[in-house]
PDB file of N, CA and C in Angstrom:
ATOM      1  N   MET A   1     -20.762 -13.187   7.656  1.00  0.00           N
ATOM      2  CA  MET A   1     -19.406 -12.817   7.295  1.00  0.00           C
ATOM      3  C   MET A   1     -19.128 -11.779   6.342  1.00  0.00           C
ATOM      4  N   SER A   2     -18.279 -10.544   6.407  1.00  0.00           N
ATOM      5  CA  SER A   2     -18.151  -9.565   5.658  1.00  0.00           C
ATOM      6  C   SER A   2     -17.247  -9.871   4.293  1.00  0.00           C
ATOM      7  N   THR A   3     -17.655  -9.426   3.288  1.00  0.00           N
ATOM      8  CA  THR A   3     -16.840  -9.414   1.824  1.00  0.00           C
ATOM      9  C   THR A   3     -15.564  -8.613   2.064  1.00  0.00           C
ATOM     10  N   ASN A   4     -14.494  -8.575   1.189  1.00  0.00           N
ATOM     11  CA  ASN A   4     -13.496  -7.918   1.213  1.00  0.00           C
ATOM     12  C   ASN A   4     -13.803  -6.469   1.082  1.00  0.00           C
ATOM     13  N   ASP A   5     -14.655  -6.129  -0.084  1.00  0.00           N
ATOM     14  CA  ASP A   5     -15.268  -4.954  -0.291  1.00  0.00           C
ATOM     15  C   ASP A   5     -15.822  -4.249   0.959  1.00  0.00           C
ATOM     16  N   GLU A   6     -16.994  -5.079   1.541  1.00  0.00           N
ATOM     17  CA  GLU A   6     -17.362  -4.402   2.774  1.00  0.00           C
ATOM     18  C   GLU A   6     -16.389  -3.997   4.094  1.00  0.00           C
ATOM     19  N   LEU A   7     -15.223  -4.772   4.188  1.00  0.00           N
ATOM     20  CA  LEU A   7     -14.178  -4.482   5.002  1.00  0.00           C
ATOM     21  C   LEU A   7     -13.547  -3.148   4.614  1.00  0.00           C
ATOM     22  N   TYR A   8     -13.293  -3.358   3.581  1.00  0.00           N
ATOM     23  CA  TYR A   8     -12.328  -2.023   3.075  1.00  0.00           C
ATOM     24  C   TYR A   8     -13.249  -0.897   3.170  1.00  0.00           C
ATOM     25  N   ALA A   9     -14.598  -0.876   2.885  1.00  0.00           N
ATOM     26  CA  ALA A   9     -15.413   0.089   3.099  1.00  0.00           C
ATOM     27  C   ALA A   9     -15.521   0.750   4.611  1.00  0.00           C
ATOM     28  N   GLU A  10     -15.409  -0.277   5.446  1.00  0.00           N
ATOM     29  CA  GLU A  10     -15.290   0.044   6.791  1.00  0.00           C
ATOM     30  C   GLU A  10     -14.293   0.536   7.270  1.00  0.00           C
ATOM     31  N   ALA A  11     -13.116   0.204   6.607  1.00  0.00           N
ATOM     32  CA  ALA A  11     -11.790   0.588   6.971  1.00  0.00           C
ATOM     33  C   ALA A  11     -11.761   2.204   6.588  1.00  0.00           C
ATOM     34  N   GLU A  12     -12.444   2.393   5.552  1.00  0.00           N
ATOM     35  CA  GLU A  12     -12.402   4.002   4.821  1.00  0.00           C
ATOM     36  C   GLU A  12     -13.316   4.739   5.561  1.00  0.00           C
ATOM     37  N   GLN A  13     -14.320   4.120   6.300  1.00  0.00           N
ATOM     38  CA  GLN A  13     -15.099   4.748   7.015  1.00  0.00           C
ATOM     39  C   GLN A  13     -14.436   5.266   8.471  1.00  0.00           C
ATOM     40  N   LEU A  14     -13.787   4.264   8.868  1.00  0.00           N
ATOM     41  CA  LEU A  14     -13.090   4.581  10.343  1.00  0.00           C
ATOM     42  C   LEU A  14     -11.888   5.721   9.817  1.00  0.00           C
ATOM     43  N   LYS A  15     -11.252   5.574   8.665  1.00  0.00           N
ATOM     44  CA  LYS A  15     -10.181   6.510   8.356  1.00  0.00           C
ATOM     45  C   LYS A  15     -10.652   7.895   8.476  1.00  0.00           C
ATOM     46  N   ASP A  16     -11.913   7.913   7.782  1.00  0.00           N
ATOM     47  CA  ASP A  16     -12.688   9.077   7.497  1.00  0.00           C
ATOM     48  C   ASP A  16     -13.161   9.942   8.658  1.00  0.00           C
ATOM     49  N   SER A  17     -13.362   9.217   9.673  1.00  0.00           N
ATOM     50  CA  SER A  17     -13.948   9.509  10.930  1.00  0.00           C
ATOM     51  C   SER A  17     -12.828  10.035  11.928  1.00  0.00           C
ATOM     52  N   GLY A  18     -11.646   9.745  11.315  1.00  0.00           N
ATOM     53  CA  GLY A  18     -10.170  10.162  12.151  1.00  0.00           C
ATOM     54  C   GLY A  18      -9.639   8.960  12.872  1.00  0.00           C
ATOM     55  N   ASP A  19     -10.203   7.741  12.679  1.00  0.00           N
ATOM     56  CA  ASP A  19      -9.550   6.534  13.558  1.00  0.00           C
ATOM     57  C   ASP A  19      -8.625   5.771  12.741  1.00  0.00           C
ATOM     58  N   LEU A  20      -7.635   6.351  12.386  1.00  0.00           N
ATOM     59  CA  LEU A  20      -6.683   5.753  11.519  1.00  0.00           C
ATOM     60  C   LEU A  20      -6.019   4.246  11.889  1.00  0.00           C
ATOM     61  N   GLU A  21      -5.828   4.110  13.292  1.00  0.00           N
ATOM     62  CA  GLU A  21      -5.554   2.997  13.954  1.00  0.00           C
ATOM     63  C   GLU A  21      -6.641   1.796  13.763  1.00  0.00           C
ATOM     64  N   GLY A  22      -7.897   2.162  13.942  1.00  0.00           N
ATOM     65  CA  GLY A  22      -9.033   1.589  13.562  1.00  0.00           C
ATOM     66  C   GLY A  22      -9.019   0.994  12.337  1.00  0.00           C
ATOM     67  N   ALA A  23      -8.584   2.027  11.196  1.00  0.00           N
ATOM     68  CA  ALA A  23      -8.631   1.612   9.833  1.00  0.00           C
ATOM     69  C   ALA A  23      -7.708   0.468   9.607  1.00  0.00           C
ATOM     70  N   VAL A  24      -6.610   0.723  10.302  1.00  0.00           N
ATOM     71  CA  VAL A  24      -5.384  -0.456  10.186  1.00  0.00           C
ATOM     72  C   VAL A  24      -5.534  -1.583  10.571  1.00  0.00           C
ATOM     73  N   THR A  25      -6.415  -1.852  11.753  1.00  0.00           N
ATOM     74  CA  THR A  25      -6.753  -2.755  12.161  1.00  0.00           C
ATOM     75  C   THR A  25      -7.883  -3.709  11.399  1.00  0.00           C
ATOM     76  N   LYS A  26      -9.111  -3.074  11.043  1.00  0.00           N
ATOM     77  CA  LYS A  26      -9.954  -3.439   9.924  1.00  0.00           C
ATOM     78  C   LYS A  26      -9.143  -3.837   8.646  1.00  0.00           C
ATOM     79  N   LEU A  27      -8.168  -3.209   8.086  1.00  0.00           N
ATOM     80  CA  LEU A  27      -7.487  -3.558   6.895  1.00  0.00           C
ATOM     81  C   LEU A  27      -6.683  -4.961   7.188  1.00  0.00           C
ATOM     82  N   ASN A  28      -6.036  -4.825   8.240  1.00  0.00           N
ATOM     83  CA  ASN A  28      -5.421  -6.216   8.685  1.00  0.00           C
ATOM     84  C   ASN A  28      -6.112  -7.392   8.759  1.00  0.00           C
ATOM     85  N   GLU A  29      -7.354  -7.093   9.239  1.00  0.00           N
ATOM     86  CA  GLU A  29      -8.435  -8.401   9.452  1.00  0.00           C
ATOM     87  C   GLU A  29      -8.889  -8.759   8.018  1.00  0.00           C
ATOM     88  N   LEU A  30      -8.904  -7.842   7.030  1.00  0.00           N
ATOM     89  CA  LEU A  30      -9.143  -8.201   5.795  1.00  0.00           C
ATOM     90  C   LEU A  30      -8.033  -9.140   5.212  1.00  0.00           C
ATOM     91  N   LEU A  31      -6.798  -8.792   5.641  1.00  0.00           N
ATOM     92  CA  LEU A  31      -5.780  -9.334   4.734  1.00  0.00           C
ATOM     93  C   LEU A  31      -5.469 -10.867   5.672  1.00  0.00           C
ATOM     94  N   ALA A  32      -5.770 -10.963   6.802  1.00  0.00           N
ATOM     95  CA  ALA A  32      -6.058 -12.038   7.422  1.00  0.00           C
ATOM     96  C   ALA A  32      -6.557 -13.408   6.665  1.00  0.00           C
ATOM     97  N   ALA A  33      -7.701 -12.725   5.949  1.00  0.00           N
ATOM     98  CA  ALA A  33      -8.718 -13.652   4.831  1.00  0.00           C
ATOM     99  C   ALA A  33      -8.119 -13.709   3.451  1.00  0.00           C
ATOM    100  N   ASP A  34      -7.596 -12.419   3.178  1.00  0.00           N
ATOM    101  CA  ASP A  34      -7.047 -12.671   1.665  1.00  0.00           C
ATOM    102  C   ASP A  34      -5.975 -11.759   1.410  1.00  0.00           C
ATOM    103  N   ASN A  35      -4.498 -12.445   1.684  1.00  0.00           N
ATOM    104  CA  ASN A  35      -3.610 -11.339   1.662  1.00  0.00           C
ATOM    105  C   ASN A  35      -3.140 -10.993   0.200  1.00  0.00           C
ATOM    106  N   ASP A  36      -3.971 -11.354  -0.833  1.00  0.00           N
ATOM    107  CA  ASP A  36      -3.399 -10.898  -2.013  1.00  0.00           C
ATOM    108  C   ASP A  36      -4.487  -9.715  -2.332  1.00  0.00           C
ATOM    109  N   PHE A  37      -5.142  -8.964  -1.309  1.00  0.00           N
ATOM    110  CA  PHE A  37      -6.106  -7.916  -1.847  1.00  0.00           C
ATOM    111  C   PHE A  37      -5.031  -6.632  -1.751  1.00  0.00           C
ATOM    112  N   ALA A  38      -4.703  -6.258  -2.888  1.00  0.00           N
ATOM    113  CA  ALA A  38      -3.716  -5.140  -3.070  1.00  0.00           C
ATOM    114  C   ALA A  38      -4.245  -3.948  -2.648  1.00  0.00           C
ATOM    115  N   LEU A  39      -5.712  -3.725  -2.895  1.00  0.00           N
ATOM    116  CA  LEU A  39      -6.106  -2.217  -2.358  1.00  0.00           C
ATOM    117  C   LEU A  39      -5.898  -2.182  -0.968  1.00  0.00           C
ATOM    118  N   ALA A  40      -6.064  -3.124  -0.176  1.00  0.00           N
ATOM    119  CA  ALA A  40      -5.845  -3.180   1.366  1.00  0.00           C
ATOM    120  C   ALA A  40      -4.438  -2.814   1.523  1.00  0.00           C
ATOM    121  N   HIS A  41      -3.443  -3.594   0.909  1.00  0.00           N
ATOM    122  CA  HIS A  41      -2.006  -3.184   1.210  1.00  0.00           C
ATOM    123  C   HIS A  41      -1.589  -1.807   0.829  1.00  0.00           C
ATOM    124  N   SER A  42      -2.133  -1.295  -0.121  1.00  0.00           N
ATOM    125  CA  SER A  42      -2.144   0.080  -0.803  1.00  0.00           C
ATOM    126  C   SER A  42      -2.408   1.024   0.372  1.00  0.00           C
ATOM    127  N   ALA A  43      -3.542   0.865   0.872  1.00  0.00           N
ATOM    128  CA  ALA A  43      -4.148   1.563   1.871  1.00  0.00           C
ATOM    129  C   ALA A  43      -3.212   1.462   3.220  1.00  0.00           C
ATOM    130  N   LEU A  44      -2.911   0.483   3.713  1.00  0.00           N
ATOM    131  CA  LEU A  44      -1.918   0.275   4.769  1.00  0.00           C
ATOM    132  C   LEU A  44      -0.546   0.793   4.629  1.00  0.00           C
ATOM    133  N   ALA A  45      -0.100   0.825   3.456  1.00  0.00           N
ATOM    134  CA  ALA A  45       1.234   1.410   2.996  1.00  0.00           C
ATOM    135  C   ALA A  45       1.151   2.914   3.588  1.00  0.00           C
ATOM    136  N   VAL A  46       0.046   3.635   2.897  1.00  0.00           N
ATOM    137  CA  VAL A  46      -0.443   4.811   3.181  1.00  0.00           C
ATOM    138  C   VAL A  46      -0.502   5.280   4.784  1.00  0.00           C
ATOM    139  N   TYR A  47      -1.375   4.606   5.375  1.00  0.00           N
ATOM    140  CA  TYR A  47      -1.654   4.813   6.783  1.00  0.00           C
ATOM    141  C   TYR A  47      -0.619   4.377   7.664  1.00  0.00           C
ATOM    142  N   TYR A  48       0.135   3.532   7.410  1.00  0.00           N
ATOM    143  CA  TYR A  48       1.155   3.255   8.241  1.00  0.00           C
ATOM    144  C   TYR A  48       2.309   4.176   8.179  1.00  0.00           C
ATOM    145  N   GLY A  49       2.364   5.102   7.028  1.00  0.00           N
ATOM    146  CA  GLY A  49       3.592   5.868   6.709  1.00  0.00           C
ATOM    147  C   GLY A  49       2.941   7.232   7.397  1.00  0.00           C
ATOM    148  N   ARG A  50       1.589   7.538   7.703  1.00  0.00           N
ATOM    149  CA  ARG A  50       0.974   8.517   8.346  1.00  0.00           C
ATOM    150  C   ARG A  50       1.618   8.384   9.748  1.00  0.00           C
ATOM    151  N   LEU A  51       1.312   7.193  10.286  1.00  0.00           N
ATOM    152  CA  LEU A  51       1.646   6.818  11.781  1.00  0.00           C
ATOM    153  C   LEU A  51       3.005   6.773  12.008  1.00  0.00           C
ATOM    154  N   GLY A  52       3.666   6.924  11.037  1.00  0.00           N
ATOM    155  CA  GLY A  52       5.297   7.078  11.391  1.00  0.00           C
ATOM    156  C   GLY A  52       5.921   5.786  11.481  1.00  0.00           C
ATOM    157  N   GLN A  53       4.926   4.753  11.048  1.00  0.00           N
ATOM    158  CA  GLN A  53       5.333   3.243  11.297  1.00  0.00           C
ATOM    159  C   GLN A  53       6.219   2.984   9.654  1.00  0.00           C
ATOM    160  N   HIS A  54       7.222   3.247   9.213  1.00  0.00           N
ATOM    161  CA  HIS A  54       7.680   3.367   7.999  1.00  0.00           C
ATOM    162  C   HIS A  54       7.792   1.728   7.536  1.00  0.00           C
ATOM    163  N   ASP A  55       8.587   1.310   8.573  1.00  0.00           N
ATOM    164  CA  ASP A  55       8.944  -0.582   8.066  1.00  0.00           C
ATOM    165  C   ASP A  55       7.593  -0.921   7.721  1.00  0.00           C
ATOM    166  N   GLU A  56       6.432  -0.726   8.464  1.00  0.00           N
ATOM    167  CA  GLU A  56       5.263  -1.607   8.095  1.00  0.00           C
ATOM    168  C   GLU A  56       4.809  -1.095   6.845  1.00  0.00           C
ATOM    169  N   ALA A  57       4.882   0.397   6.529  1.00  0.00           N
ATOM    170  CA  ALA A  57       4.606   1.040   5.468  1.00  0.00           C
ATOM    171  C   ALA A  57       5.222   0.251   4.165  1.00  0.00           C
ATOM    172  N   ILE A  58       6.429   0.182   4.257  1.00  0.00           N
ATOM    173  CA  ILE A  58       7.434  -0.341   3.052  1.00  0.00           C
ATOM    174  C   ILE A  58       6.977  -1.844   3.111  1.00  0.00           C
ATOM    175  N   LYS A  59       6.660  -2.633   3.830  1.00  0.00           N
ATOM    176  CA  LYS A  59       6.103  -3.973   3.986  1.00  0.00           C
ATOM    177  C   LYS A  59       5.028  -4.213   3.155  1.00  0.00           C
ATOM    178  N   HIS A  60       4.080  -3.313   3.155  1.00  0.00           N
ATOM    179  CA  HIS A  60       2.712  -3.264   2.485  1.00  0.00           C
ATOM    180  C   HIS A  60       2.998  -2.702   1.161  1.00  0.00           C
ATOM    181  N   GLY A  61       3.746  -1.792   0.754  1.00  0.00           N
ATOM    182  CA  GLY A  61       3.967  -1.309  -0.407  1.00  0.00           C
ATOM    183  C   GLY A  61       4.412  -2.318  -1.190  1.00  0.00           C
ATOM    184  N   GLN A  62       5.461  -3.232  -0.717  1.00  0.00           N
ATOM    185  CA  GLN A  62       6.232  -4.423  -1.220  1.00  0.00           C
ATOM    186  C   GLN A  62       5.405  -5.375  -1.805  1.00  0.00           C
ATOM    187  N   GLU A  63       4.084  -5.395  -0.958  1.00  0.00           N
ATOM    188  CA  GLU A  63       3.386  -6.630  -1.358  1.00  0.00           C
ATOM    189  C   GLU A  63       2.263  -5.945  -2.530  1.00  0.00           C
ATOM    190  N   VAL A  64       2.084  -4.617  -2.467  1.00  0.00           N
ATOM    191  CA  VAL A  64       1.276  -4.473  -3.547  1.00  0.00           C
ATOM    192  C   VAL A  64       2.356  -4.594  -5.023  1.00  0.00           C
ATOM    193  N   CYS A  65       3.303  -4.345  -5.029  1.00  0.00           N
ATOM    194  CA  CYS A  65       4.242  -4.451  -5.929  1.00  0.00           C
ATOM    195  C   CYS A  65       4.366  -5.918  -6.428  1.00  0.00           C
ATOM    196  N   ARG A  66       4.381  -6.674  -5.460  1.00  0.00           N
ATOM    197  CA  ARG A  66       4.493  -8.221  -5.749  1.00  0.00           C
ATOM    198  C   ARG A  66       3.026  -8.558  -6.409  1.00  0.00           C
ATOM    199  N   ILE A  67       1.837  -8.145  -5.838  1.00  0.00           N
ATOM    200  CA  ILE A  67       0.687  -8.573  -6.390  1.00  0.00           C
ATOM    201  C   ILE A  67       0.508  -7.998  -7.797  1.00  0.00           C
ATOM    202  N   GLU A  68       0.884  -6.931  -7.984  1.00  0.00           N
ATOM    203  CA  GLU A  68       0.893  -6.270  -9.211  1.00  0.00           C
ATOM    204  C   GLU A  68       2.010  -5.721 -10.025  1.00  0.00           C
ATOM    205  N   PRO A  69       2.691  -6.683 -10.317  1.00  0.00           N
ATOM    206  CA  PRO A  69       4.224  -6.379 -10.885  1.00  0.00           C
ATOM    207  C   PRO A  69       3.951  -5.458 -12.169  1.00  0.00           C
ATOM    208  N   ASN A  70       3.080  -5.468 -12.869  1.00  0.00           N
ATOM    209  CA  ASN A  70       3.165  -4.399 -14.202  1.00  0.00           C
ATOM    210  C   ASN A  70       2.248  -3.310 -13.919  1.00  0.00           C
ATOM    211  N   ASP A  71       1.924  -2.786 -12.783  1.00  0.00           N
ATOM    212  CA  ASP A  71       1.203  -1.432 -12.639  1.00  0.00           C
ATOM    213  C   ASP A  71       2.321  -0.688 -12.103  1.00  0.00           C
ATOM    214  N   ALA A  72       2.624   0.392 -12.897  1.00  0.00           N
ATOM    215  CA  ALA A  72       3.390   1.385 -12.923  1.00  0.00           C
ATOM    216  C   ALA A  72       3.057   2.194 -11.737  1.00  0.00           C
ATOM    217  N   PHE A  73       1.799   2.444 -11.406  1.00  0.00           N
ATOM    218  CA  PHE A  73       1.274   3.329 -10.420  1.00  0.00           C
ATOM    219  C   PHE A  73       1.944   2.989  -8.840  1.00  0.00           C
ATOM    220  N   SER A  74       1.828   1.278  -8.698  1.00  0.00           N
ATOM    221  CA  SER A  74       2.284   0.466  -7.543  1.00  0.00           C
ATOM    222  C   SER A  74       3.818   0.861  -7.103  1.00  0.00           C
ATOM    223  N   PHE A  75       4.466   0.955  -8.280  1.00  0.00           N
ATOM    224  CA  PHE A  75       6.005   1.306  -8.154  1.00  0.00           C
ATOM    225  C   PHE A  75       6.057   2.671  -7.779  1.00  0.00           C
ATOM    226  N   THR A  76       5.425   3.775  -8.512  1.00  0.00           N
ATOM    227  CA  THR A  76       5.492   5.326  -8.009  1.00  0.00           C
ATOM    228  C   THR A  76       5.181   5.378  -6.621  1.00  0.00           C
ATOM    229  N   ALA A  77       3.967   4.563  -6.094  1.00  0.00           N
ATOM    230  CA  ALA A  77       3.690   4.952  -4.933  1.00  0.00           C
ATOM    231  C   ALA A  77       4.780   4.148  -3.820  1.00  0.00           C
ATOM    232  N   MET A  78       5.436   2.982  -4.103  1.00  0.00           N
ATOM    233  CA  MET A  78       6.591   2.377  -3.670  1.00  0.00           C
ATOM    234  C   MET A  78       7.599   3.554  -3.212  1.00  0.00           C
ATOM    235  N   SER A  79       8.045   4.308  -4.441  1.00  0.00           N
ATOM    236  CA  SER A  79       8.952   5.293  -4.361  1.00  0.00           C
ATOM    237  C   SER A  79       8.808   6.147  -3.309  1.00  0.00           C
ATOM    238  N   VAL A  80       7.415   6.579  -3.471  1.00  0.00           N
ATOM    239  CA  VAL A  80       6.965   7.897  -2.235  1.00  0.00           C
ATOM    240  C   VAL A  80       7.204   7.118  -0.850  1.00  0.00           C
ATOM    241  N   THR A  81       6.736   6.168  -0.654  1.00  0.00           N
ATOM    242  CA  THR A  81       6.893   5.474   0.615  1.00  0.00           C
ATOM    243  C   THR A  81       8.575   5.201   0.907  1.00  0.00           C
ATOM    244  N   TYR A  82       9.281   4.803   0.249  1.00  0.00           N
ATOM    245  CA  TYR A  82      10.770   4.743   0.500  1.00  0.00           C
ATOM    246  C   TYR A  82      10.906   6.218   0.649  1.00  0.00           C
ATOM    247  N   GLN A  83      10.879   7.160  -0.190  1.00  0.00           N
ATOM    248  CA  GLN A  83      11.494   8.557   0.084  1.00  0.00           C
ATOM    249  C   GLN A  83      10.985   8.919   1.464  1.00  0.00           C
ATOM    250  N   ARG A  84       9.685   8.748   2.170  1.00  0.00           N
ATOM    251  CA  ARG A  84       9.221   9.059   3.273  1.00  0.00           C
ATOM    252  C   ARG A  84      10.005   8.581   4.152  1.00  0.00           C
ATOM    253  N   ALA A  85      10.376   7.276   4.085  1.00  0.00           N
ATOM    254  CA  ALA A  85      11.247   6.659   5.319  1.00  0.00           C
ATOM    255  C   ALA A  85      12.667   6.967   5.184  1.00  0.00           C
ATOM    256  N   GLY A  86      13.044   7.955   4.187  1.00  0.00           N
ATOM    257  CA  GLY A  86      14.377   8.529   4.089  1.00  0.00           C
ATOM    258  C   GLY A  86      15.150   7.353   3.187  1.00  0.00           C
ATOM    259  N   ARG A  87      14.761   6.267   2.455  1.00  0.00           N
ATOM    260  CA  ARG A  87      15.529   5.331   1.947  1.00  0.00           C
ATOM    261  C   ARG A  87      15.564   5.830   0.418  1.00  0.00           C
ATOM    262  N   ILE A  88      16.272   6.712   0.121  1.00  0.00           N
ATOM    263  CA  ILE A  88      16.329   7.530  -1.292  1.00  0.00           C
ATOM    264  C   ILE A  88      16.888   6.337  -2.217  1.00  0.00           C
ATOM    265  N   PRO A  89      17.581   5.454  -2.120  1.00  0.00           N
ATOM    266  CA  PRO A  89      18.421   4.788  -3.313  1.00  0.00           C
ATOM    267  C   PRO A  89      17.240   3.680  -3.791  1.00  0.00           C
ATOM    268  N   GLU A  90      16.406   3.251  -2.773  1.00  0.00           N
ATOM    269  CA  GLU A  90      15.164   2.354  -2.980  1.00  0.00           C
ATOM    270  C   GLU A  90      14.148   3.056  -3.587  1.00  0.00           C
ATOM    271  N   ALA A  91      14.070   4.253  -3.273  1.00  0.00           N
ATOM    272  CA  ALA A  91      12.706   5.137  -4.020  1.00  0.00           C
ATOM    273  C   ALA A  91      13.273   5.284  -5.525  1.00  0.00           C
ATOM    274  N   GLU A  92      14.476   5.768  -5.552  1.00  0.00           N
ATOM    275  CA  GLU A  92      14.925   5.789  -6.904  1.00  0.00           C
ATOM    276  C   GLU A  92      14.770   4.779  -7.962  1.00  0.00           C
ATOM    277  N   GLU A  93      15.262   3.637  -7.416  1.00  0.00           N
ATOM    278  CA  GLU A  93      14.961   2.265  -7.918  1.00  0.00           C
ATOM    279  C   GLU A  93      13.470   1.946  -8.232  1.00  0.00           C
ATOM    280  N   ALA A  94      12.517   2.215  -7.341  1.00  0.00           N
ATOM    281  CA  ALA A  94      11.334   1.792  -7.643  1.00  0.00           C
ATOM    282  C   ALA A  94      10.729   2.717  -8.755  1.00  0.00           C
ATOM    283  N   MET A  95      11.137   4.167  -8.499  1.00  0.00           N
ATOM    284  CA  MET A  95      10.830   5.108  -9.716  1.00  0.00           C
ATOM    285  C   MET A  95      11.182   4.729 -10.931  1.00  0.00           C
ATOM    286  N   ALA A  96      12.397   4.071 -11.083  1.00  0.00           N
ATOM    287  CA  ALA A  96      12.901   3.592 -12.380  1.00  0.00           C
ATOM    288  C   ALA A  96      12.013   2.731 -13.088  1.00  0.00           C
ATOM    289  N   ARG A  97      11.856   1.668 -11.848  1.00  0.00           N
ATOM    290  CA  ARG A  97      10.613   0.433 -12.462  1.00  0.00           C
ATOM    291  C   ARG A  97       9.585   1.152 -13.005  1.00  0.00           C
ATOM    292  N   ALA A  98       8.942   2.053 -12.294  1.00  0.00           N
ATOM    293  CA  ALA A  98       7.833   2.612 -12.660  1.00  0.00           C
ATOM    294  C   ALA A  98       7.708   3.079 -14.027  1.00  0.00           C
ATOM    295  N   HIS A  99       8.908   3.743 -14.198  1.00  0.00           N
ATOM    296  CA  HIS A  99       9.233   4.376 -15.900  1.00  0.00           C
ATOM    297  C   HIS A  99       9.367   3.203 -16.805  1.00  0.00           C
ATOM    298  N   MET A 100      10.137   2.155 -16.352  1.00  0.00           N
ATOM    299  CA  MET A 100      10.211   1.122 -17.072  1.00  0.00           C
ATOM    300  C   MET A 100       8.882   0.452 -17.739  1.00  0.00           C
ATOM    301  N   ILE A 101       7.926   0.458 -16.594  1.00  0.00           N
ATOM    302  CA  ILE A 101       6.689  -0.185 -17.087  1.00  0.00           C
ATOM    303  C   ILE A 101       6.045   0.521 -17.907  1.00  0.00           C
ATOM    304  N   GLN A 102       6.051   1.994 -17.700  1.00  0.00           N
ATOM    305  CA  GLN A 102       5.250   2.680 -18.398  1.00  0.00           C
ATOM    306  C   GLN A 102       5.793   2.757 -19.768  1.00  0.00           C
ATOM    307  N   GLN A 103       7.032   2.542 -20.033  1.00  0.00           N
ATOM    308  CA  GLN A 103       7.508   2.840 -21.646  1.00  0.00           C
ATOM    309  C   GLN A 103       7.349   1.432 -22.073  1.00  0.00           C
ATOM    310  N   SER A 104       7.011   0.001 -21.545  1.00  0.00           N
ATOM    311  CA  SER A 104       7.064  -0.939 -22.178  1.00  0.00           C
ATOM    312  C   SER A 104       5.909  -1.433 -22.974  1.00  0.00           C
ATOM    313  N   PRO A 105       5.662  -1.738 -24.095  1.00  0.00           N
ATOM    314  CA  PRO A 105       4.639  -2.088 -24.708  1.00  0.00           C
ATOM    315  C   PRO A 105       3.403  -2.646 -24.018  1.00  0.00           C
ATOM    316  N   GLN A 106       2.292  -2.614 -23.754  1.00  0.00           N
ATOM    317  CA  GLN A 106       1.303  -3.325 -23.126  1.00  0.00           C
ATOM    318  C   GLN A 106       0.762  -4.423 -23.802  1.00  0.00           C
TER     319      GLN A 106
END
């Protein structure tokens, strides 16, 4: 049985070899075993966006924000995902959330 890190590495290799759909399949396999693996959701948000599947990209970006609610970068990435889907009000809201997190004391 592969670990999360091994499955993620396999997905990265698939992506690097040009098999983006294979990478998506591998990451979904990983998430079937551990739905809270934020890095897999983050990668899927990017990959689905590249494939033009913006609703799926948004779904995975939202999962990253759910898993890491105090990570400003997660909300910045979510903003970009919304922008690419043409959902500007949501993009602005996600960016505002990222700024709020950055400005709050840690």
